[in-house]
């Protein structure tokens, strides 16, 4: 059996989500099904009522393309939820880096110190310091303890960091 927060995210296996990530994905699904889907359907109906169904109707093509994207994302989210498991706070180790953990790191080249939270790829958002466990940094961090150094290749070249602290 895997350590808590150490599950693989392969098709057919469990997606481990933080409570925040689970709620965010739920909100996205709710918005897509109750707001975007009806909005797109209404735009298609309006095109039909105005007789705008011609072979060169670019507006209709755009709406249908948007509809395909929305339906694809709804399907993707439903697949995620069918195998999602929310990581409970007490499952997040403070002894070593696991999914859901908040990790304070220091860049050993520049001295910059910052925090990231290690999350599954489906809820990763680097702009929010939510780093995927599948990213180079996430893979290098997994299992590390406070004080340990780690290296990984980034688009900017090799990076070297040290884990300062691990929290929930």
C-alpha atoms as a PDB file:
ATOM      1  CA  UNK A   1       0.000   0.000   0.000  1.00  0.00           C
ATOM      2  CA  UNK A   2       1.211   3.537  -0.771  1.00  0.00           C
ATOM      3  CA  UNK A   3       2.089   6.055   1.905  1.00  0.00           C
ATOM      4  CA  UNK A   4      -0.648   8.683   2.411  1.00  0.00           C
ATOM      5  CA  UNK A   5      -0.457  11.265  -0.330  1.00  0.00           C
ATOM      6  CA  UNK A   6       1.875   9.130  -2.446  1.00  0.00           C
ATOM      7  CA  UNK A   7      -0.719   7.729  -4.868  1.00  0.00           C
ATOM      8  CA  UNK A   8       0.059   7.455  -8.577  1.00  0.00           C
ATOM      9  CA  UNK A   9      -2.199   9.349 -10.926  1.00  0.00           C
ATOM     10  CA  UNK A  10      -2.519   6.961 -13.788  1.00  0.00           C
ATOM     11  CA  UNK A  11      -5.743   6.495 -15.721  1.00  0.00           C
ATOM     12  CA  UNK A  12      -7.934   4.210 -13.660  1.00  0.00           C
ATOM     13  CA  UNK A  13      -6.245   5.034 -10.357  1.00  0.00           C
ATOM     14  CA  UNK A  14      -7.161   7.486  -7.647  1.00  0.00           C
ATOM     15  CA  UNK A  15      -6.715  11.244  -8.029  1.00  0.00           C
ATOM     16  CA  UNK A  16      -5.654  12.625  -4.666  1.00  0.00           C
ATOM     17  CA  UNK A  17      -6.994  16.149  -4.227  1.00  0.00           C
ATOM     18  CA  UNK A  18      -6.571  18.709  -1.502  1.00  0.00           C
ATOM     19  CA  UNK A  19      -9.856  19.945   0.018  1.00  0.00           C
ATOM     20  CA  UNK A  20      -9.265  23.310  -1.681  1.00  0.00           C
ATOM     21  CA  UNK A  21      -8.622  21.655  -5.054  1.00  0.00           C
ATOM     22  CA  UNK A  22     -11.695  19.442  -4.729  1.00  0.00           C
ATOM     23  CA  UNK A  23     -13.897  22.471  -4.000  1.00  0.00           C
ATOM     24  CA  UNK A  24     -12.381  24.455  -6.871  1.00  0.00           C
ATOM     25  CA  UNK A  25     -12.992  21.628  -9.346  1.00  0.00           C
ATOM     26  CA  UNK A  26     -16.541  21.191  -8.014  1.00  0.00           C
ATOM     27  CA  UNK A  27     -17.183  24.913  -8.519  1.00  0.00           C
ATOM     28  CA  UNK A  28     -15.794  24.700 -12.051  1.00  0.00           C
ATOM     29  CA  UNK A  29     -18.059  21.742 -12.883  1.00  0.00           C
ATOM     30  CA  UNK A  30     -21.065  23.524 -11.385  1.00  0.00           C
ATOM     31  CA  UNK A  31     -20.343  26.652 -13.450  1.00  0.00           C
ATOM     32  CA  UNK A  32     -19.870  24.685 -16.658  1.00  0.00           C
ATOM     33  CA  UNK A  33     -23.086  22.690 -16.239  1.00  0.00           C
ATOM     34  CA  UNK A  34     -25.385  25.389 -14.858  1.00  0.00           C
ATOM     35  CA  UNK A  35     -24.045  28.535 -16.540  1.00  0.00           C
ATOM     36  CA  UNK A  36     -21.842  27.846 -19.584  1.00  0.00           C
ATOM     37  CA  UNK A  37     -23.761  24.890 -21.023  1.00  0.00           C
ATOM     38  CA  UNK A  38     -27.160  26.703 -20.980  1.00  0.00           C
ATOM     39  CA  UNK A  39     -25.513  29.897 -22.285  1.00  0.00           C
ATOM     40  CA  UNK A  40     -24.064  28.045 -25.263  1.00  0.00           C
ATOM     41  CA  UNK A  41     -27.357  26.243 -25.933  1.00  0.00           C
ATOM     42  CA  UNK A  42     -29.151  29.613 -25.954  1.00  0.00           C
ATOM     43  CA  UNK A  43     -26.633  31.059 -28.414  1.00  0.00           C
ATOM     44  CA  UNK A  44     -27.206  28.072 -30.729  1.00  0.00           C
ATOM     45  CA  UNK A  45     -31.010  28.491 -30.449  1.00  0.00           C
ATOM     46  CA  UNK A  46     -30.699  32.176 -31.299  1.00  0.00           C
ATOM     47  CA  UNK A  47     -28.684  31.321 -34.402  1.00  0.00           C
ATOM     48  CA  UNK A  48     -31.344  28.797 -35.451  1.00  0.00           C
ATOM     49  CA  UNK A  49     -34.199  31.285 -34.925  1.00  0.00           C
ATOM     50  CA  UNK A  50     -32.472  33.920 -37.010  1.00  0.00           C
ATOM     51  CA  UNK A  51     -31.877  31.509 -39.862  1.00  0.00           C
ATOM     52  CA  UNK A  52     -28.136  31.811 -39.471  1.00  0.00           C
ATOM     53  CA  UNK A  53     -27.518  28.157 -40.279  1.00  0.00           C
ATOM     54  CA  UNK A  54     -25.477  28.440 -43.414  1.00  0.00           C
ATOM     55  CA  UNK A  55     -22.339  26.592 -44.351  1.00  0.00           C
ATOM     56  CA  UNK A  56     -20.189  29.684 -43.860  1.00  0.00           C
ATOM     57  CA  UNK A  57     -21.593  30.801 -40.497  1.00  0.00           C
ATOM     58  CA  UNK A  58     -18.408  31.434 -38.528  1.00  0.00           C
ATOM     59  CA  UNK A  59     -20.345  32.551 -35.408  1.00  0.00           C
ATOM     60  CA  UNK A  60     -22.114  29.191 -35.262  1.00  0.00           C
ATOM     61  CA  UNK A  61     -18.836  27.366 -35.862  1.00  0.00           C
ATOM     62  CA  UNK A  62     -17.264  29.277 -32.953  1.00  0.00           C
ATOM     63  CA  UNK A  63     -20.179  28.454 -30.632  1.00  0.00           C
ATOM     64  CA  UNK A  64     -20.049  24.777 -31.578  1.00  0.00           C
ATOM     65  CA  UNK A  65     -16.282  24.746 -30.998  1.00  0.00           C
ATOM     66  CA  UNK A  66     -16.805  26.355 -27.579  1.00  0.00           C
ATOM     67  CA  UNK A  67     -19.529  23.786 -26.857  1.00  0.00           C
ATOM     68  CA  UNK A  68     -17.133  20.947 -27.674  1.00  0.00           C
ATOM     69  CA  UNK A  69     -14.501  22.399 -25.325  1.00  0.00           C
ATOM     70  CA  UNK A  70     -17.031  22.831 -22.497  1.00  0.00           C
ATOM     71  CA  UNK A  71     -18.439  19.320 -22.950  1.00  0.00           C
ATOM     72  CA  UNK A  72     -14.922  17.884 -23.040  1.00  0.00           C
ATOM     73  CA  UNK A  73     -14.014  19.627 -19.791  1.00  0.00           C
ATOM     74  CA  UNK A  74     -17.266  18.491 -18.136  1.00  0.00           C
ATOM     75  CA  UNK A  75     -16.456  14.917 -19.137  1.00  0.00           C
ATOM     76  CA  UNK A  76     -12.884  15.279 -17.862  1.00  0.00           C
ATOM     77  CA  UNK A  77     -14.072  16.656 -14.497  1.00  0.00           C
ATOM     78  CA  UNK A  78     -16.633  13.863 -14.100  1.00  0.00           C
ATOM     79  CA  UNK A  79     -13.865  11.324 -14.752  1.00  0.00           C
ATOM     80  CA  UNK A  80     -11.687  12.993 -12.118  1.00  0.00           C
ATOM     81  CA  UNK A  81     -14.508  12.983  -9.557  1.00  0.00           C
ATOM     82  CA  UNK A  82     -15.329   9.342 -10.257  1.00  0.00           C
ATOM     83  CA  UNK A  83     -11.909   8.397  -8.912  1.00  0.00           C
ATOM     84  CA  UNK A  84     -11.065  11.348  -6.665  1.00  0.00           C
ATOM     85  CA  UNK A  85     -10.133  11.109  -3.033  1.00  0.00           C
ATOM     86  CA  UNK A  86      -9.734  14.124  -0.780  1.00  0.00           C
ATOM     87  CA  UNK A  87      -6.513  14.149   1.214  1.00  0.00           C
ATOM     88  CA  UNK A  88      -7.323  14.596   4.881  1.00  0.00           C
ATOM     89  CA  UNK A  89      -5.164  16.972   6.907  1.00  0.00           C
ATOM     90  CA  UNK A  90      -3.915  14.199   9.194  1.00  0.00           C
ATOM     91  CA  UNK A  91      -2.632  12.264   6.146  1.00  0.00           C
ATOM     92  CA  UNK A  92      -0.223  15.059   5.237  1.00  0.00           C
ATOM     93  CA  UNK A  93       3.147  14.286   6.733  1.00  0.00           C
ATOM     94  CA  UNK A  94       5.251  16.983   8.333  1.00  0.00           C
ATOM     95  CA  UNK A  95       8.228  14.613   8.435  1.00  0.00           C
ATOM     96  CA  UNK A  96       8.648  14.272   4.671  1.00  0.00           C
ATOM     97  CA  UNK A  97       7.095  15.821   1.562  1.00  0.00           C
ATOM     98  CA  UNK A  98       3.808  14.266   0.441  1.00  0.00           C
ATOM     99  CA  UNK A  99       0.848  15.404  -1.619  1.00  0.00           C
ATOM    100  CA  UNK A 100      -0.963  18.261   0.080  1.00  0.00           C
ATOM    101  CA  UNK A 101       2.072  19.383   2.038  1.00  0.00           C
ATOM    102  CA  UNK A 102       3.162  23.000   2.212  1.00  0.00           C
ATOM    103  CA  UNK A 103       6.901  23.176   1.723  1.00  0.00           C
ATOM    104  CA  UNK A 104       9.135  26.139   2.442  1.00  0.00           C
ATOM    105  CA  UNK A 105      12.209  25.980   0.211  1.00  0.00           C
ATOM    106  CA  UNK A 106      15.282  28.108  -0.348  1.00  0.00           C
ATOM    107  CA  UNK A 107      17.002  28.562  -3.707  1.00  0.00           C
ATOM    108  CA  UNK A 108      20.630  27.705  -2.975  1.00  0.00           C
ATOM    109  CA  UNK A 109      21.947  29.802  -5.867  1.00  0.00           C
ATOM    110  CA  UNK A 110      20.043  33.055  -5.215  1.00  0.00           C
ATOM    111  CA  UNK A 111      18.983  32.711  -1.565  1.00  0.00           C
ATOM    112  CA  UNK A 112      15.299  33.294  -2.353  1.00  0.00           C
ATOM    113  CA  UNK A 113      12.937  31.562   0.066  1.00  0.00           C
ATOM    114  CA  UNK A 114       9.321  30.730  -0.786  1.00  0.00           C
ATOM    115  CA  UNK A 115       6.519  28.236  -0.132  1.00  0.00           C
ATOM    116  CA  UNK A 116       4.812  25.814  -2.477  1.00  0.00           C
ATOM    117  CA  UNK A 117       2.062  23.281  -1.944  1.00  0.00           C
ATOM    118  CA  UNK A 118       2.520  19.899  -3.633  1.00  0.00           C
ATOM    119  CA  UNK A 119      -0.708  18.884  -5.374  1.00  0.00           C
ATOM    120  CA  UNK A 120      -1.915  16.505  -8.058  1.00  0.00           C
ATOM    121  CA  UNK A 121      -1.560  17.569 -11.665  1.00  0.00           C
ATOM    122  CA  UNK A 122      -5.301  18.254 -11.999  1.00  0.00           C
ATOM    123  CA  UNK A 123      -5.193  21.066  -9.447  1.00  0.00           C
ATOM    124  CA  UNK A 124      -1.708  22.449 -10.126  1.00  0.00           C
ATOM    125  CA  UNK A 125      -1.426  26.196 -10.634  1.00  0.00           C
ATOM    126  CA  UNK A 126       2.093  27.628 -10.500  1.00  0.00           C
ATOM    127  CA  UNK A 127       0.647  31.161 -10.248  1.00  0.00           C
ATOM    128  CA  UNK A 128      -0.869  30.118  -6.903  1.00  0.00           C
ATOM    129  CA  UNK A 129       2.278  28.218  -5.835  1.00  0.00           C
ATOM    130  CA  UNK A 130       0.439  24.899  -6.311  1.00  0.00           C
ATOM    131  CA  UNK A 131       3.104  22.635  -7.790  1.00  0.00           C
ATOM    132  CA  UNK A 132       2.240  19.352  -9.497  1.00  0.00           C
ATOM    133  CA  UNK A 133       3.752  16.200  -8.110  1.00  0.00           C
ATOM    134  CA  UNK A 134       4.427  15.289 -11.753  1.00  0.00           C
ATOM    135  CA  UNK A 135       6.461  18.438 -12.477  1.00  0.00           C
ATOM    136  CA  UNK A 136      10.267  18.290 -12.312  1.00  0.00           C
ATOM    137  CA  UNK A 137      10.261  20.246  -9.043  1.00  0.00           C
ATOM    138  CA  UNK A 138       7.416  18.156  -7.603  1.00  0.00           C
ATOM    139  CA  UNK A 139       9.141  14.892  -8.462  1.00  0.00           C
ATOM    140  CA  UNK A 140      12.384  16.125  -6.907  1.00  0.00           C
ATOM    141  CA  UNK A 141      10.571  17.276  -3.742  1.00  0.00           C
ATOM    142  CA  UNK A 142       8.567  14.103  -3.120  1.00  0.00           C
ATOM    143  CA  UNK A 143       9.758  12.273  -0.030  1.00  0.00           C
ATOM    144  CA  UNK A 144      12.352  14.880   0.990  1.00  0.00           C
ATOM    145  CA  UNK A 145      12.800  15.855   4.651  1.00  0.00           C
ATOM    146  CA  UNK A 146      13.577  19.184   6.282  1.00  0.00           C
ATOM    147  CA  UNK A 147      17.170  20.222   5.591  1.00  0.00           C
ATOM    148  CA  UNK A 148      17.532  17.971   2.544  1.00  0.00           C
ATOM    149  CA  UNK A 149      18.746  19.431  -0.714  1.00  0.00           C
ATOM    150  CA  UNK A 150      17.280  18.532  -4.083  1.00  0.00           C
ATOM    151  CA  UNK A 151      18.030  19.303  -7.725  1.00  0.00           C
ATOM    152  CA  UNK A 152      15.957  19.297 -10.877  1.00  0.00           C
ATOM    153  CA  UNK A 153      16.088  20.521 -14.458  1.00  0.00           C
ATOM    154  CA  UNK A 154      13.919  23.532 -15.238  1.00  0.00           C
ATOM    155  CA  UNK A 155      13.488  25.518 -18.449  1.00  0.00           C
ATOM    156  CA  UNK A 156      16.059  27.944 -16.951  1.00  0.00           C
ATOM    157  CA  UNK A 157      18.601  25.164 -16.350  1.00  0.00           C
ATOM    158  CA  UNK A 158      19.527  23.118 -13.282  1.00  0.00           C
ATOM    159  CA  UNK A 159      18.001  24.323 -10.008  1.00  0.00           C
ATOM    160  CA  UNK A 160      19.216  23.497  -6.504  1.00  0.00           C
ATOM    161  CA  UNK A 161      17.024  24.002  -3.437  1.00  0.00           C
ATOM    162  CA  UNK A 162      16.867  22.971   0.215  1.00  0.00           C
ATOM    163  CA  UNK A 163      13.713  22.092   2.140  1.00  0.00           C
ATOM    164  CA  UNK A 164      13.423  24.577   5.015  1.00  0.00           C
ATOM    165  CA  UNK A 165      10.178  23.306   6.529  1.00  0.00           C
ATOM    166  CA  UNK A 166       7.191  21.069   5.858  1.00  0.00           C
ATOM    167  CA  UNK A 167       3.709  21.820   7.155  1.00  0.00           C
ATOM    168  CA  UNK A 168       0.096  20.991   6.523  1.00  0.00           C
END
